Amino acid sequence: QQRNANGVNIDFEGMPSSQKTAFTNFMINLCNQMHSAIPGSQVSMALYSVDWNGVFDMPALNPYVDLFIIMGYDYYYGGSATAGPNDPLYHFGTTYNYTLSKSISYYLNKGASPNKLILGLPYYGREYTTTSNSIPSSVLNPPNSVTRTFTTVMLNTGGNYTNANKNWNADSFSPYWMFQSGGNWKQCFVDDGYSMRKRFDMVNQRGIGGIGIWALGYDD
């Protein structure tokens, strides 16, 4: 109210299943108070790409929460033993079968209204040190990776993100840059304009509410 903001986003990460009811009650209470105190305000909440603990009671939350934003990233993350895309659109080809497509289906099937469901997409990726130049490949001495923003890769900071080093993984609809540095193979998975457009296409095809971005500024 003091800063004339439009609303609030709630992002509680790592919640145990024991907090499911308490979190649901908290969100309903918050939504009722926000909407009453600031007419037209918006309450959104972050959803895990994979709801490992089943903590989100979508049928109970859906009538109150304005937007549900899937954190559609870190499917392959800093601690992954296998190098892979930050946000695979489809199955990457490993036994770890979680994707943006499956996350959307999961929350729709759980009861989220399509117009309230937002796909949060990453404007960053990860560069892994790998044991080989194969795809998929094991990470050398995991965890062994660094974050790379969209602008870092597109501006070719360091000189390794060239078109000659750029490849395409058709399974996950993800570009990656592969090169050698310091005697080791590097694989850097970051969306480009083409792959991001394919993710936007899925949002339109599935009829959900739109996209979110993590984070503004990573694209310069």
Protein backbone atom coordinates (compact mmCIF):
# COMPACT_ATOMS: atom_id res chain seq x y z
CA GLN A 1 0.00 0.00 0.00
CA GLN A 2 2.75 2.48 0.94
CA ARG A 3 4.62 2.01 -2.33
CA ASN A 4 1.51 1.58 -4.54
CA ALA A 5 2.59 -1.91 -5.59
CA ASN A 6 0.32 -4.15 -7.63
CA GLY A 7 0.57 -7.18 -5.36
CA VAL A 8 2.83 -9.82 -3.91
CA ASN A 9 4.53 -13.04 -4.97
CA ILE A 10 5.00 -15.81 -2.42
CA ASP A 11 7.92 -18.19 -2.91
CA PHE A 12 8.43 -20.70 -0.09
CA GLU A 13 11.01 -23.23 -1.26
CA GLY A 14 11.79 -26.64 0.13
CA MET A 15 8.53 -27.01 2.07
CA PRO A 16 7.98 -30.41 3.67
CA SER A 17 4.70 -32.24 3.14
CA SER A 18 3.88 -31.68 6.82
CA GLN A 19 3.31 -27.98 6.03
CA LYS A 20 0.79 -28.54 3.21
CA THR A 21 -2.31 -27.62 5.25
CA ALA A 22 -0.63 -24.73 7.05
CA PHE A 23 0.62 -23.28 3.76
CA THR A 24 -2.79 -23.63 2.12
CA ASN A 25 -4.48 -21.82 5.02
CA PHE A 26 -1.81 -19.11 4.96
CA MET A 27 -2.29 -18.46 1.24
CA ILE A 28 -6.09 -18.31 1.49
CA ASN A 29 -5.85 -15.90 4.43
CA LEU A 30 -3.30 -13.75 2.61
CA CYS A 31 -5.34 -13.63 -0.59
CA ASN A 32 -8.49 -12.61 1.26
CA GLN A 33 -6.70 -9.85 3.14
CA MET A 34 -4.78 -8.53 0.12
CA HIS A 35 -7.83 -8.45 -2.13
CA SER A 36 -9.83 -6.72 0.59
CA ALA A 37 -7.17 -4.16 1.56
CA ILE A 38 -6.08 -3.41 -2.03
CA PRO A 39 -8.92 -3.95 -4.50
CA GLY A 40 -7.64 -5.29 -7.78
CA SER A 41 -4.36 -6.44 -6.26
CA GLN A 42 -2.71 -9.61 -7.45
CA VAL A 43 -1.39 -12.49 -5.37
CA SER A 44 0.86 -14.95 -7.14
CA MET A 45 2.85 -17.90 -5.86
CA ALA A 46 5.81 -19.86 -7.13
CA LEU A 47 5.37 -23.53 -7.99
CA TYR A 48 8.26 -26.00 -8.05
CA SER A 49 9.12 -27.45 -11.43
CA VAL A 50 8.62 -30.80 -9.68
CA ASP A 51 6.42 -30.87 -6.57
CA TRP A 52 8.45 -33.61 -4.92
CA ASN A 53 6.57 -33.47 -1.60
CA GLY A 54 3.09 -32.83 -2.96
CA VAL A 55 2.72 -29.63 -0.90
CA PHE A 56 0.47 -27.62 -3.25
CA ASP A 57 -3.26 -28.24 -2.76
CA MET A 58 -4.33 -26.87 -6.12
CA PRO A 59 -8.12 -27.40 -5.79
CA ALA A 60 -8.10 -25.46 -2.50
CA LEU A 61 -5.72 -22.72 -3.68
CA ASN A 62 -7.08 -22.15 -7.18
CA PRO A 63 -10.18 -20.11 -6.21
CA TYR A 64 -8.08 -17.61 -4.24
CA VAL A 65 -4.62 -17.26 -5.85
CA ASP A 66 -4.49 -15.04 -8.95
CA LEU A 67 -1.45 -16.56 -10.64
CA PHE A 68 0.61 -19.73 -10.24
CA ILE A 69 4.14 -19.33 -11.63
CA ILE A 70 6.00 -22.55 -12.41
CA MET A 71 9.72 -22.16 -11.73
CA GLY A 72 10.57 -23.85 -15.02
CA TYR A 73 14.30 -24.17 -14.53
CA ASP A 74 17.04 -26.09 -12.70
CA TYR A 75 15.79 -29.42 -14.01
CA TYR A 76 19.51 -29.99 -14.46
CA TYR A 77 21.26 -27.84 -11.86
CA GLY A 78 24.55 -27.15 -10.13
CA GLY A 79 24.52 -30.45 -8.28
CA SER A 80 23.59 -32.66 -11.24
CA ALA A 81 25.83 -35.61 -11.98
CA THR A 82 24.71 -35.46 -15.62
CA ALA A 83 25.06 -32.33 -17.75
CA GLY A 84 21.76 -31.26 -19.25
CA PRO A 85 19.46 -28.40 -20.21
CA ASN A 86 18.29 -26.00 -17.54
CA ASP A 87 14.73 -26.16 -18.90
CA PRO A 88 14.19 -29.15 -21.22
CA LEU A 89 11.04 -28.64 -23.25
CA TYR A 90 10.77 -32.39 -23.81
CA HIS A 91 12.61 -35.47 -22.56
CA PHE A 92 16.39 -35.04 -22.73
CA GLY A 93 17.13 -38.75 -23.05
CA THR A 94 18.11 -39.76 -19.51
CA THR A 95 16.25 -41.65 -16.78
CA TYR A 96 15.52 -38.25 -15.19
CA ASN A 97 12.30 -37.64 -17.11
CA TYR A 98 11.11 -34.20 -15.95
CA THR A 99 10.40 -31.47 -18.49
CA LEU A 100 8.57 -28.16 -18.97
CA SER A 101 5.83 -30.00 -20.82
CA LYS A 102 5.31 -32.43 -17.96
CA SER A 103 5.32 -29.65 -15.35
CA ILE A 104 2.52 -27.84 -17.19
CA SER A 105 0.50 -31.04 -17.48
CA TYR A 106 1.04 -31.87 -13.82
CA TYR A 107 -0.36 -28.60 -12.48
CA LEU A 108 -3.24 -28.49 -14.96
CA ASN A 109 -4.18 -32.03 -13.96
CA LYS A 110 -3.95 -31.03 -10.29
CA GLY A 111 -6.56 -28.31 -10.77
CA ALA A 112 -4.87 -25.05 -11.76
CA SER A 113 -6.99 -22.94 -14.10
CA PRO A 114 -5.15 -22.62 -17.44
CA ASN A 115 -5.47 -18.81 -17.45
CA LYS A 116 -3.86 -18.66 -13.99
CA LEU A 117 -0.89 -20.90 -14.84
CA ILE A 118 2.32 -19.09 -15.82
CA LEU A 119 5.48 -20.74 -17.14
CA GLY A 120 8.53 -19.10 -15.58
CA LEU A 121 11.49 -19.42 -17.96
CA PRO A 122 15.22 -18.94 -17.30
CA TYR A 123 17.32 -16.27 -18.94
CA TYR A 124 20.36 -18.20 -17.76
CA GLY A 125 21.84 -21.68 -18.00
CA ARG A 126 24.76 -23.72 -16.78
CA GLU A 127 28.17 -24.63 -18.11
CA TYR A 128 29.34 -28.07 -16.99
CA THR A 129 32.77 -29.67 -17.03
CA THR A 130 32.09 -33.12 -18.49
CA THR A 131 33.88 -36.41 -18.87
CA SER A 132 33.37 -36.49 -22.65
CA ASN A 133 31.82 -34.72 -25.63
CA SER A 134 28.83 -37.08 -25.73
CA ILE A 135 25.22 -36.02 -25.03
CA PRO A 136 24.19 -36.81 -22.31
CA SER A 137 27.52 -36.83 -20.50
CA SER A 138 28.59 -37.31 -16.90
CA VAL A 139 29.83 -34.27 -15.00
CA LEU A 140 33.53 -34.42 -14.12
CA ASN A 141 33.97 -34.43 -10.34
CA PRO A 142 30.40 -33.29 -9.58
CA PRO A 143 29.26 -30.78 -8.63
CA ASN A 144 31.25 -29.01 -11.32
CA SER A 145 29.40 -26.22 -13.14
CA VAL A 146 28.96 -22.46 -13.28
CA THR A 147 25.98 -20.25 -14.08
CA ARG A 148 25.97 -18.47 -17.44
CA THR A 149 23.46 -15.73 -18.24
CA PHE A 150 21.89 -15.29 -21.65
CA THR A 151 23.84 -12.09 -22.24
CA THR A 152 27.17 -13.72 -21.30
CA VAL A 153 26.69 -16.42 -23.92
CA MET A 154 25.23 -14.17 -26.63
CA LEU A 155 28.02 -11.63 -26.24
CA ASN A 156 30.48 -14.55 -26.39
CA THR A 157 32.27 -13.53 -23.22
CA GLY A 158 35.45 -15.61 -23.09
CA GLY A 159 35.34 -16.45 -26.80
CA ASN A 160 33.98 -20.01 -26.50
CA TYR A 161 30.31 -19.41 -27.39
CA THR A 162 30.79 -19.32 -31.15
CA ASN A 163 28.52 -20.68 -33.87
CA ALA A 164 31.15 -23.32 -34.57
CA ASN A 165 30.79 -24.60 -31.00
CA LYS A 166 26.99 -24.40 -30.99
CA ASN A 167 24.89 -27.56 -31.19
CA TRP A 168 21.22 -28.52 -30.98
CA ASN A 169 19.63 -31.26 -28.90
CA ALA A 170 16.45 -32.17 -30.74
CA ASP A 171 15.04 -34.30 -27.89
CA SER A 172 14.83 -31.45 -25.39
CA PHE A 173 14.64 -28.60 -27.94
CA SER A 174 17.72 -27.04 -26.35
CA PRO A 175 20.89 -25.46 -27.77
CA TYR A 176 24.25 -26.07 -26.16
CA TRP A 177 27.80 -24.95 -26.71
CA MET A 178 30.55 -27.58 -26.46
CA PHE A 179 34.27 -26.88 -26.41
CA GLN A 180 37.50 -27.81 -24.68
CA SER A 181 39.13 -25.62 -22.05
CA GLY A 182 42.03 -26.46 -19.79
CA GLY A 183 42.15 -29.96 -21.23
CA ASN A 184 38.52 -30.68 -20.26
CA TRP A 185 35.26 -30.77 -22.16
CA LYS A 186 32.72 -28.05 -21.41
CA GLN A 187 29.01 -28.15 -22.19
CA CYS A 188 26.98 -24.98 -21.76
CA PHE A 189 23.18 -25.19 -21.96
CA VAL A 190 21.45 -21.80 -22.40
CA ASP A 191 18.33 -20.95 -24.40
CA ASP A 192 18.73 -18.78 -27.48
CA GLY A 193 16.02 -16.88 -29.38
CA TYR A 194 14.91 -19.95 -31.32
CA SER A 195 14.58 -22.30 -28.36
CA MET A 196 12.89 -19.62 -26.26
CA ARG A 197 10.38 -19.08 -29.05
CA LYS A 198 9.58 -22.80 -29.00
CA ARG A 199 8.82 -22.50 -25.28
CA PHE A 200 6.57 -19.51 -25.94
CA ASP A 201 4.83 -21.58 -28.62
CA MET A 202 4.05 -24.26 -26.05
CA VAL A 203 2.50 -21.66 -23.73
CA ASN A 204 0.18 -20.64 -26.56
CA GLN A 205 -0.51 -24.22 -27.65
CA ARG A 206 -1.44 -25.30 -24.13
CA GLY A 207 -3.58 -22.20 -23.59
CA ILE A 208 -2.01 -21.18 -20.28
CA GLY A 209 -1.75 -17.64 -18.93
CA GLY A 210 1.70 -16.53 -20.09
CA ILE A 211 5.35 -16.52 -19.07
CA GLY A 212 7.51 -15.34 -16.23
CA ILE A 213 11.21 -14.50 -16.44
CA TRP A 214 14.05 -15.35 -14.07
CA ALA A 215 15.55 -12.94 -14.01
CA LEU A 216 15.06 -9.55 -15.58
CA GLY A 217 18.48 -8.18 -16.53
CA TYR A 218 20.04 -11.54 -17.38
CA ASP A 219 19.27 -10.67 -21.01
CA ASP A 220 21.03 -7.27 -20.69
